[in-house]
Protein backbone atom coordinates (compact mmCIF):
# COMPACT_ATOMS: atom_id res chain seq x y z
CA MET A 1 -25.68 -5.39 -73.20
CA LYS A 2 -21.77 -4.60 -74.14
CA LEU A 3 -21.99 -1.09 -73.09
CA LYS A 4 -24.10 -2.42 -69.70
CA PHE A 5 -21.41 -4.83 -69.20
CA ILE A 6 -17.97 -2.39 -70.17
CA PHE A 7 -19.75 0.13 -67.35
CA PHE A 8 -19.38 -2.59 -65.33
CA PHE A 9 -16.06 -3.09 -65.06
CA LEU A 10 -15.14 -0.16 -65.46
CA THR A 11 -17.01 0.61 -62.62
CA LEU A 12 -15.30 -2.11 -60.38
CA PHE A 13 -12.06 -1.27 -61.49
CA LEU A 14 -12.06 2.41 -60.80
CA CYS A 15 -13.78 0.80 -56.73
CA LEU A 16 -10.96 -1.46 -56.84
CA ASN A 17 -8.27 1.34 -57.57
CA SER A 18 -9.72 3.81 -54.48
CA LEU A 19 -9.77 0.99 -51.87
CA ALA A 20 -5.87 0.12 -53.07
CA ALA A 21 -5.95 4.05 -52.70
CA ASP A 22 -6.82 4.45 -48.85
CA PRO A 23 -4.14 4.77 -46.55
CA GLU A 24 -2.26 2.31 -44.41
CA PHE A 25 -1.04 5.23 -42.00
CA TYR A 26 -2.97 6.78 -39.16
CA ARG A 27 -0.78 8.30 -36.17
CA LEU A 28 -2.20 10.69 -33.78
CA LYS A 29 0.23 12.77 -31.45
CA VAL A 30 -1.50 14.39 -28.59
CA THR A 31 -0.15 16.31 -25.76
CA THR A 32 -2.19 16.16 -22.56
CA LYS A 33 -5.11 18.65 -21.81
CA ARG A 34 -4.29 20.41 -24.94
CA TRP A 35 -5.69 18.62 -27.69
CA GLU A 36 -8.83 20.01 -25.93
CA ILE A 37 -8.18 23.53 -27.65
CA ALA A 38 -8.48 22.58 -31.25
CA GLU A 39 -12.06 21.91 -30.35
CA ARG A 40 -12.60 18.54 -32.33
CA SER A 41 -14.81 16.39 -31.70
CA SER A 42 -12.26 13.08 -32.77
CA PHE A 43 -9.08 12.25 -34.65
CA LEU A 44 -8.25 9.42 -37.50
CA GLU A 45 -10.96 10.10 -39.33
CA GLY A 46 -13.60 9.07 -36.38
CA LYS A 47 -11.52 6.47 -34.59
CA VAL A 48 -10.16 8.57 -32.14
CA SER A 49 -12.82 10.19 -29.43
CA LYS A 50 -12.76 13.12 -27.43
CA LYS A 51 -13.99 10.27 -24.89
CA ILE A 52 -10.79 8.14 -24.95
CA LEU A 53 -8.72 11.28 -24.71
CA SER A 54 -10.65 13.09 -22.02
CA GLN A 55 -10.44 8.96 -19.99
CA LEU A 56 -6.78 8.97 -20.33
CA ASP A 57 -6.14 12.74 -19.66
CA SER A 58 -8.10 11.92 -16.35
CA ILE A 59 -5.89 8.75 -15.88
CA TYR A 60 -2.43 11.43 -15.94
CA LYS A 61 -4.02 14.37 -14.98
CA ASN A 62 -0.78 14.83 -12.45
CA LEU A 63 2.05 13.53 -14.49
CA PRO A 64 1.56 15.72 -17.84
CA THR A 65 2.70 14.03 -20.89
CA GLY A 66 1.67 12.60 -24.40
CA TYR A 67 0.00 9.83 -26.21
CA ASP A 68 1.28 8.04 -29.39
CA LEU A 69 -2.13 6.33 -30.93
CA ASN A 70 -1.66 3.76 -33.81
CA TYR A 71 -4.27 2.57 -36.02
CA ASN A 72 -3.96 -0.28 -38.26
CA PRO A 73 -6.50 -0.66 -40.85
CA SER A 74 -5.36 -4.25 -41.77
CA SER A 75 -6.08 -5.29 -38.57
CA GLN A 76 -9.01 -2.70 -37.49
CA THR A 77 -6.87 -2.29 -33.82
CA LEU A 78 -6.53 0.58 -31.96
CA THR A 79 -3.61 1.34 -29.70
CA VAL A 80 -2.17 4.29 -27.57
CA PHE A 81 1.25 4.13 -25.93
CA VAL A 82 1.75 6.93 -22.92
CA HIS A 83 5.15 8.70 -22.83
CA CYS A 84 7.23 9.16 -19.69
CA SER A 85 5.63 5.59 -18.74
CA PHE A 86 5.24 2.10 -19.67
CA ASP A 87 1.44 2.01 -20.15
CA PHE A 88 0.38 0.70 -22.70
CA TYR A 89 -3.73 0.14 -24.15
CA SER A 90 -5.47 -1.34 -26.50
CA ILE A 91 -8.94 0.77 -27.37
CA GLN A 92 -12.14 -2.20 -27.67
CA ASP A 93 -15.46 -0.99 -27.98
CA GLY A 94 -13.88 2.65 -27.39
CA GLN A 95 -13.05 1.47 -23.82
CA LEU A 96 -9.27 1.64 -23.31
CA VAL A 97 -7.86 -1.87 -21.81
CA LYS A 98 -5.25 -1.73 -20.36
CA GLU A 99 -2.17 -4.10 -21.78
CA TYR A 100 0.93 -3.14 -19.78
CA GLN A 101 0.56 -4.66 -16.03
CA TYR A 102 2.79 -2.69 -13.99
CA ALA A 103 3.39 0.82 -12.77
CA ASN A 104 6.76 2.02 -13.64
CA ARG A 105 7.90 5.57 -14.71
CA GLY A 106 10.09 7.60 -16.65
CA TYR A 107 13.40 6.70 -18.98
CA THR A 108 10.87 6.61 -22.15
CA CYS A 109 10.21 10.17 -22.42
CA GLY A 110 10.13 10.66 -26.04
CA SER A 111 10.40 6.77 -26.86
CA TYR A 112 9.15 5.99 -30.83
CA PHE A 113 6.62 3.65 -30.87
CA PHE A 114 6.30 1.21 -33.61
CA VAL A 115 4.21 -2.21 -35.20
CA LYS A 116 6.41 -4.59 -36.67
CA ASN A 117 4.39 -8.07 -37.81
CA ASN A 118 2.02 -7.47 -35.70
CA THR A 119 4.27 -6.74 -32.84
CA TYR A 120 5.00 -3.46 -30.92
CA TYR A 121 8.34 -1.66 -29.94
CA LEU A 122 9.52 0.92 -28.65
CA LEU A 123 13.26 2.58 -29.49
CA GLY A 124 14.95 4.83 -27.23
CA GLY A 125 13.85 7.71 -24.61
CA ARG A 126 15.47 9.93 -22.38
CA GLY A 127 15.44 8.85 -18.80
CA PHE A 128 16.06 11.57 -15.52
CA TRP A 129 19.80 11.08 -15.76
CA ASN A 130 20.46 10.21 -19.40
CA TYR A 131 19.66 9.61 -22.67
CA HIS A 132 19.39 5.65 -24.46
CA SER A 133 18.80 4.14 -27.68
CA ASP A 134 17.89 0.85 -26.34
CA LEU A 135 15.39 -1.49 -27.97
CA MET A 136 12.49 -3.38 -26.08
CA LYS A 137 9.46 -5.43 -27.84
CA PHE A 138 5.89 -5.92 -26.15
CA ASP A 139 5.36 -9.27 -24.36
CA THR A 140 1.68 -9.20 -24.41
CA LEU A 141 1.75 -12.98 -22.57
CA ASN A 142 3.09 -11.02 -19.93
CA GLY A 143 1.62 -7.81 -20.43
CA SER A 144 6.03 -6.12 -20.10
CA TRP A 145 8.49 -4.93 -21.99
CA GLU A 146 10.63 -7.01 -23.15
CA PHE A 147 14.41 -5.46 -23.29
CA ILE A 148 16.16 -6.74 -27.15
CA GLN A 149 19.45 -6.98 -27.21
CA ALA A 150 20.96 -5.27 -30.45
CA ALA A 151 24.71 -5.50 -31.27
CA GLN A 152 26.73 -1.67 -32.28
CA GLN A 153 24.31 0.11 -29.74
CA PRO A 154 25.03 3.96 -29.95
CA LEU A 155 26.03 5.04 -25.96
CA ASP A 156 23.56 7.77 -24.17
CA TYR A 157 22.03 8.11 -28.19
CA TRP A 158 18.93 10.03 -28.45
CA PRO A 159 17.74 11.22 -32.07
CA ASN A 160 16.23 14.12 -33.18
CA GLY A 161 13.85 12.29 -35.35
CA THR A 162 12.71 8.33 -35.88
CA TYR A 163 11.71 7.18 -39.05
CA GLN A 164 10.60 2.92 -40.00
CA THR A 165 11.23 1.29 -43.36
CA SER A 166 10.92 -1.73 -44.52
CA LYS A 167 14.43 -3.37 -43.30
CA GLY A 168 14.75 -1.46 -39.70
CA ILE A 169 14.61 2.13 -37.91
CA MET A 170 16.81 5.57 -38.95
CA ALA A 171 17.08 7.31 -35.76
CA TRP A 172 18.15 10.52 -37.52
CA LEU A 173 20.86 13.51 -35.43
CA GLY A 174 20.53 13.57 -32.33
CA GLU A 175 23.04 14.05 -29.29
CA TYR A 176 25.00 12.05 -26.57
CA THR A 177 24.05 12.62 -22.37
CA ASN A 178 25.37 11.79 -19.90
CA PRO A 179 26.25 13.20 -16.70
CA ARG A 180 28.00 9.92 -15.08
CA ILE A 181 30.70 9.95 -17.47
CA PRO A 182 30.02 13.36 -18.31
CA ARG A 183 29.43 13.35 -21.99
CA LEU A 184 27.47 15.91 -23.80
CA GLU A 185 27.94 15.75 -27.54
CA LYS A 186 25.88 16.07 -30.79
CA GLU A 187 25.67 12.98 -33.63
CA ALA A 188 25.81 14.97 -37.11
CA ASN A 189 23.87 12.60 -38.94
CA GLY A 190 22.82 9.31 -36.76
CA PHE A 191 22.34 5.55 -36.78
CA PHE A 192 19.88 2.24 -38.65
CA LEU A 193 18.80 -0.26 -36.63
CA ASP A 194 18.23 -3.26 -38.77
CA LEU A 195 15.54 -5.29 -37.45
CA GLU A 196 16.27 -8.70 -38.97
CA LYS A 197 19.69 -8.78 -37.61
CA LYS A 198 19.52 -6.49 -34.55
CA SER A 199 22.57 -4.69 -35.59
CA TRP A 200 23.41 -0.96 -35.92
CA HIS A 201 24.74 1.00 -38.20
CA PRO A 202 26.00 4.64 -39.05
CA ILE A 203 24.40 6.49 -41.90
CA LYS A 204 25.07 9.12 -43.79
CA ILE A 205 23.25 12.71 -44.87
CA ASP A 206 25.05 13.35 -47.77
CA ILE A 207 24.34 17.09 -48.73
CA LYS A 208 26.51 18.80 -50.96
CA GLU A 209 25.11 22.52 -51.29
CA PHE A 210 25.04 22.86 -47.10
CA ASP A 211 26.34 21.74 -43.96
CA PHE A 212 22.31 20.73 -43.03
CA ALA A 213 23.35 18.74 -40.04
CA GLN A 214 25.34 22.09 -38.62
CA ILE A 215 21.75 23.93 -39.19
CA ALA A 216 19.56 21.61 -37.49
CA HIS A 217 21.81 21.33 -34.47
CA THR A 218 22.62 25.35 -34.25
CA ASN A 219 18.50 25.85 -34.81
CA GLU A 220 14.85 24.36 -33.99
CA SER A 221 14.69 21.30 -35.83
CA HIS A 222 12.11 18.72 -36.22
CA LEU A 223 11.68 15.14 -38.03
CA TYR A 224 7.94 14.06 -38.63
CA GLU A 225 6.53 10.63 -40.10
CA THR A 226 3.99 9.82 -42.62
CA GLU A 227 3.51 6.61 -44.95
CA ASP A 228 5.87 6.84 -48.10
CA TYR A 229 8.53 9.88 -46.56
CA ALA A 230 10.08 11.37 -43.31
CA PHE A 231 9.71 15.31 -42.99
CA SER A 232 12.27 17.49 -41.73
CA VAL A 233 11.83 21.22 -40.82
CA THR A 234 14.36 23.39 -39.25
CA THR A 235 14.44 27.14 -38.57
CA THR A 236 17.47 28.89 -39.96
CA GLN A 237 18.16 32.30 -40.84
CA LEU A 238 20.41 31.72 -43.63
CA PRO A 239 19.26 34.26 -46.64
CA ASN A 240 19.75 31.64 -49.79
CA LEU A 241 17.51 29.01 -47.69
CA GLY A 242 14.92 31.51 -45.53
CA TRP A 243 13.26 31.31 -42.24
CA TYR A 244 12.66 27.57 -43.02
CA ILE A 245 14.03 24.12 -44.60
CA TRP A 246 12.06 21.26 -45.21
CA ILE A 247 13.56 18.45 -46.26
CA ILE A 248 11.53 14.87 -47.48
CA ILE A 249 12.87 11.76 -46.94
CA GLU A 250 11.23 8.50 -49.06
CA LYS A 251 11.79 6.41 -46.72
CA GLU A 252 12.23 3.18 -48.73
CA THR A 253 14.78 4.86 -51.41
CA GLY A 254 16.67 7.42 -48.63
CA LYS A 255 16.11 10.19 -51.33
CA LEU A 256 16.42 13.76 -50.29
CA PHE A 257 14.11 16.21 -51.52
CA PHE A 258 14.89 20.02 -50.93
CA TYR A 259 11.10 22.07 -51.07
CA GLU A 260 11.48 25.79 -52.08
CA GLY A 261 7.54 27.05 -52.27
CA SER A 262 5.68 28.05 -49.57
CA LYS A 263 6.21 27.69 -46.50
CA HIS A 264 3.40 26.76 -42.63
CA THR A 265 5.49 28.42 -40.15
CA GLN A 266 3.79 27.58 -36.92
CA MET A 267 4.06 23.42 -37.07
CA PHE A 268 5.85 23.44 -33.45
CA ASN A 269 3.76 24.28 -30.57
CA SER A 270 0.70 21.99 -32.87
CA PRO A 271 -1.43 20.44 -29.41
CA TYR A 272 -1.40 17.80 -32.01
CA TYR A 273 -0.24 15.90 -34.67
CA GLU A 274 -2.53 13.79 -37.08
CA PHE A 275 -1.32 11.51 -40.01
CA ILE A 276 -3.46 9.86 -42.44
CA GLY A 277 -1.29 8.54 -45.14
CA ASN A 278 0.81 10.79 -45.89
CA LYS A 279 -1.12 14.04 -45.23
CA ILE A 280 -0.21 16.05 -41.82
CA HIS A 281 -3.03 17.60 -40.05
CA TYR A 282 -2.03 20.03 -36.89
CA PHE A 283 -3.19 23.61 -35.57
CA GLY A 284 -1.64 26.48 -35.97
CA TYR A 285 -0.73 29.13 -33.95
CA SER A 286 -1.23 32.57 -35.03
CA ILE A 287 1.79 34.68 -34.32
CA THR A 288 0.57 38.00 -33.30
CA ASN A 289 -1.42 35.82 -30.76
CA MET A 290 -0.70 32.77 -29.43
CA MET A 291 -4.69 32.23 -27.99
CA GLU A 292 -6.24 32.21 -31.60
CA GLY A 293 -5.21 29.53 -34.20
CA LYS A 294 -6.37 27.18 -36.79
CA GLU A 295 -6.19 24.11 -38.70
CA ALA A 296 -3.45 23.37 -41.18
CA MET A 297 -2.60 20.30 -43.33
CA ILE A 298 0.99 19.70 -45.57
CA ASP A 299 0.04 16.56 -47.96
CA LEU A 300 3.69 15.30 -48.89
CA ASP A 301 3.10 14.22 -52.21
CA ILE A 302 1.83 17.24 -53.40
CA ILE A 303 5.40 18.84 -51.58
CA ARG A 304 7.58 15.51 -53.59
CA SER A 305 6.07 16.21 -56.74
CA GLN A 306 7.42 20.15 -55.85
CA SER A 307 9.97 19.18 -54.83
CA ARG A 308 14.33 18.88 -56.35
CA GLU A 309 16.65 16.04 -55.61
CA ILE A 310 19.81 17.14 -53.30
CA GLY A 311 21.40 14.46 -51.45
CA GLN A 312 21.09 11.24 -49.90
CA VAL A 313 20.61 8.85 -47.08
CA ILE A 314 23.43 6.53 -47.08
CA VAL A 315 23.53 3.67 -44.58
CA LEU A 316 27.24 2.76 -43.97
CA ASP A 317 29.35 -0.39 -42.65
CA THR A 318 30.10 -1.00 -38.89
CA PRO A 319 33.97 -1.06 -38.46
CA ASN A 320 35.52 -4.09 -38.75
CA LYS A 321 36.52 -4.85 -34.45
CA THR A 322 39.76 -7.24 -33.82
CA SER A 323 38.97 -10.73 -33.69
CA ASN A 324 40.29 -13.05 -30.88
CA ALA A 325 42.66 -14.80 -33.53
CA SER A 326 44.10 -11.91 -34.74
CA LEU A 327 45.00 -10.62 -31.19
CA LEU A 328 46.82 -13.97 -29.58
CA SER A 329 48.94 -13.58 -32.70
CA VAL A 330 50.88 -10.77 -32.06
CA LEU A 331 50.37 -10.59 -28.49
CA PRO A 332 54.67 -12.28 -28.12
CA TRP A 333 55.36 -9.00 -29.72
CA ILE A 334 53.42 -6.68 -27.62
CA GLY A 335 55.09 -8.01 -24.25
CA PHE A 336 58.37 -5.28 -24.40
CA PRO A 337 56.08 -2.44 -24.87
CA VAL A 338 53.87 -3.42 -22.52
CA VAL A 339 56.33 -3.79 -20.09
CA PHE A 340 57.51 -0.45 -20.82
CA LEU A 341 54.05 1.61 -20.70
CA LEU A 342 53.78 0.00 -17.32
CA ALA A 343 56.66 1.29 -16.03
CA LEU A 344 56.28 4.69 -17.53
CA TRP A 345 52.85 4.46 -16.10
CA LEU A 346 53.74 4.16 -12.65
CA GLY A 347 56.95 7.33 -12.58
CA ILE A 348 53.72 9.01 -13.41
CA GLN A 349 51.79 8.25 -10.40
CA VAL A 350 54.48 9.17 -8.16
CA GLN A 351 54.76 12.30 -9.75
CA LYS A 352 51.18 12.87 -9.33
CA ARG A 353 51.29 12.24 -5.75
CA LYS A 354 54.30 14.54 -5.26
CA ASN A 355 52.15 17.33 -6.70
CA LYS A 356 48.70 16.58 -5.44
CA ALA A 357 49.33 18.65 -1.98
CA ASP A 358 50.20 22.30 -4.45
CA GLN A 359 47.16 21.26 -6.46
CA SER A 360 44.54 20.54 -3.70
CA SER A 361 45.98 24.50 -2.81
CA LEU A 362 45.10 25.14 -6.12
CA ASP A 363 42.32 24.79 -6.91
CA SER A 364 41.32 26.20 -3.19
CA ASP A 365 42.20 29.10 -4.39
CA THR A 366 40.75 29.36 -7.33
CA GLU A 367 37.36 28.33 -5.68
CA THR A 368 37.66 31.21 -3.13
CA GLU A 369 38.19 33.78 -6.79
CA GLY A 370 34.92 32.39 -8.19
CA GLU A 371 32.98 32.86 -4.89
CA HIS A 372 34.26 36.53 -5.12
CA GLU A 373 33.45 37.18 -8.58
CA SER A 374 29.40 36.15 -7.92
CA GLU A 375 29.05 38.25 -4.86
CA GLU A 376 27.35 40.61 -7.62
CA GLU A 377 25.84 38.79 -9.31
CA ASN A 378 23.70 37.61 -6.34
CA ALA A 379 23.11 40.50 -4.94
CA GLU A 380 21.14 41.13 -7.76
CA ILE A 381 19.21 37.88 -7.48
CA LEU A 382 18.77 38.83 -3.85
CA GLN A 383 16.80 41.93 -5.09
CA GLN A 384 14.79 39.62 -7.60
CA LEU A 385 13.99 37.23 -5.09
CA LEU A 386 12.85 39.47 -2.19
CA ARG A 387 9.93 40.47 -4.49
CA HIS A 388 8.95 36.36 -3.91
CA ASN A 389 9.61 36.14 -0.20
CA GLY A 390 7.23 33.32 1.38
CA LYS A 391 5.74 31.97 -2.07
CA LYS A 392 6.41 28.62 -3.13
CA LEU A 393 7.97 28.87 -7.11
CA CYS A 394 7.80 25.88 -9.52
CA ILE A 395 11.26 25.14 -11.20
CA ASP A 396 10.45 27.26 -14.81
CA GLU A 397 9.64 30.32 -12.11
CA PHE A 398 12.57 29.62 -10.29
CA ASP A 399 14.43 29.65 -13.36
CA THR A 400 13.85 33.20 -14.36
CA VAL A 401 14.05 35.01 -11.35
CA LEU A 402 17.72 33.63 -10.90
CA GLY A 403 17.66 34.97 -14.28
CA ILE A 404 19.72 31.12 -16.54
CA HIS A 405 15.75 30.50 -18.16
CA VAL A 406 17.78 31.29 -21.11
CA ILE A 407 20.48 28.96 -20.60
CA THR A 408 19.16 25.83 -23.42
CA ASN A 409 21.45 22.77 -22.20
CA PHE A 410 19.23 21.30 -19.52
CA ASP A 411 22.98 19.93 -18.13
CA SER A 412 24.30 23.62 -17.94
CA LYS A 413 21.18 25.19 -16.56
CA ARG A 414 21.28 22.42 -13.37
CA ILE A 415 25.06 22.76 -12.54
CA LYS A 416 24.38 26.74 -12.66
CA ARG A 417 21.27 26.59 -10.64
CA SER A 418 23.24 24.26 -7.92
CA ARG A 419 25.87 26.83 -7.56
CA LEU A 420 23.88 29.63 -7.31
CA ILE A 421 21.73 28.42 -4.50
CA LYS A 422 24.87 26.94 -2.63
CA SER A 423 26.25 30.57 -2.21
CA ILE A 424 23.03 32.45 -1.38
CA ASN A 425 21.85 29.95 1.12
CA LYS A 426 26.19 30.13 2.70
CA LYS A 427 26.11 33.51 2.80
CA HIS A 428 22.30 33.93 4.27
CA GLU A 429 23.13 31.34 6.72
CA GLU A 430 26.52 32.93 7.90
CA LYS A 431 24.31 35.92 8.74
CA ASN A 432 20.75 35.19 10.02
CA GLY A 433 21.34 31.29 10.77
CA PHE A 434 18.79 29.47 8.10
CA PRO A 435 19.00 29.08 4.91
CA LEU A 436 17.07 31.22 2.21
CA ILE A 437 16.04 29.08 -0.43
CA THR A 438 14.59 25.51 0.56
CA ARG A 439 13.87 22.60 -2.28
CA ILE A 440 10.22 21.13 -1.51
CA LYS A 441 8.69 18.28 -3.12
CA SER A 442 5.38 18.29 -4.70
CA SER A 443 3.13 16.06 -2.19
CA GLU A 444 1.32 15.14 -5.46
CA ASP A 445 3.99 13.97 -7.33
CA LYS A 446 7.49 13.37 -5.67
CA ARG A 447 9.56 13.61 -8.88
CA PHE A 448 8.49 17.43 -8.77
CA ILE A 449 9.97 19.63 -7.08
CA PHE A 450 9.29 23.47 -5.23
CA TYR A 451 11.53 26.14 -4.00
CA LYS A 452 10.43 28.76 -1.44
CA ILE A 453 11.77 31.77 -0.71
CA THR A 454 12.14 32.89 3.13
CA PHE A 455 13.47 36.00 4.50
CA GLU A 456 12.48 35.39 7.69
CA ASN A 457 12.42 32.56 10.25
CA GLY A 458 9.32 31.36 10.55
CA ASN A 459 7.49 32.08 7.20
C-alpha cells in the first residue's frame, strides 16, 4: 500500500513539473503567401491553421504585407496584427473577427506588437516618409488604437530589433530617418521604454571584445525574441569572429552571451518564424538552390548553455533638464550677452544678403557642370531603356535599368532616381517634344508606381 501511495505522489509531482514547463510564449510571424512554401497545414502546435492564413491572404492580396500572430495560453486567446495597416483581429472558433473598426493604412510597417496585462500595444514603425517610436494601445471599446505619450521619446527612431522584459520594452540599435529635416543616422546602442513610468531611457550595449554596433550597422543584422531570450544574428567577415555572430540576451538580467559553435546560416529569408517557448522554427533555403529548402529549429536553451558571457545591456539615466527656477535665477546675468549676440546676428544677416546674388550664380554654374558630368552616364542608361520601349516597369525593375539597384539607402536611391529621370526627360523633350519616362499609378493601389518607357510618341 505504501509503495502505491509513493508511486502516486511521484507521478503527480512529475506531471506538475511537466505542466510548469509548458511554454508561455507563442508567436508566429509570416509573410503574405510566402508561408505556403513550407507546405504546412498548421503552426504553433495546431493553434494557427492554414485556413486562417489563407483567409488573411485573400483579404490582403493587393497589399503584400506580413502578419504577427500571438497566442496567450492563460486566456487561450489568439490574435493577429497586420503590418502596414492598423488592422487587428481576434480568432474565435477558427474565424477571423476584426477588432479594429477603421481603414487606415501606412505608419505601422515593422511595428512591434506585444501584450501587457491583457492589453495589446504597438510600438514604433515605418511610415511613408519617416521612422517613429510612438506607443499605441488598443481601445477595445471603440475598436481603435490610442496614442500613449511617453517622456523623452526619441524622435524619428526605429530599432533594428525589439524585445519585452517584465519592466518594459528594449529597442535594440536602429537608425533615425526623417527627410523633412533631413535626418539619416545610426543609433549605436538603443533605448528602453519603461512601461510603468511611460518614459524612455538610453541604453548601452557594453561589449569589450569587439565593436558590435559598428559590425551590426555595416552588415545584415536581425533580432529575434523568445520567452526568456532575445537572439541577435549578424553577418560579418572578420576572421576572428567568423561569418556569423550569434549573441543571446537574457531578457530579465540583460546579460550578453556569445556562441561560438556551429551555426545555421539561412535564417534571414524565411517565409515564417515560429516561436514556441525558447525554440525558433523557420524555413531555411539552400544556398545552391533558392527554390528548395527545409524546416529548421534553434533551441536557445541549449545555445545559451554552450555560450560564454561577454557583456551587459545597461539602462542609463535620462539626462536632467534645467528647471524653470534655475533658468529664472540666471536670467539677469544673461541679458547683456543676449543683446550682443542679437546685434552680431543682425550683422551676419546683412552680410549674407550682400553675398546672395554671387552665391546664386555659383549654384547655377555648379548645376550646369553636374549636368555635363552626367551626359555619359545618361547615354548608357538610354541604351538600357531602349530595350524596354513601350513597357511598364515596377520600381525594382526600373531601378535595375538605371543601375541604382545596388544603392542600399532608401533616400539616396530615391534622390538618384529623381535626378536621372529629370535629366533624361529634359533632353528627350527638347529633342522630341515629349518626355521619355512617365510615372503611372497602379489602378489597383494608388500608392504603387510604374514607369513607362516611350521612345516614340503615341506608343
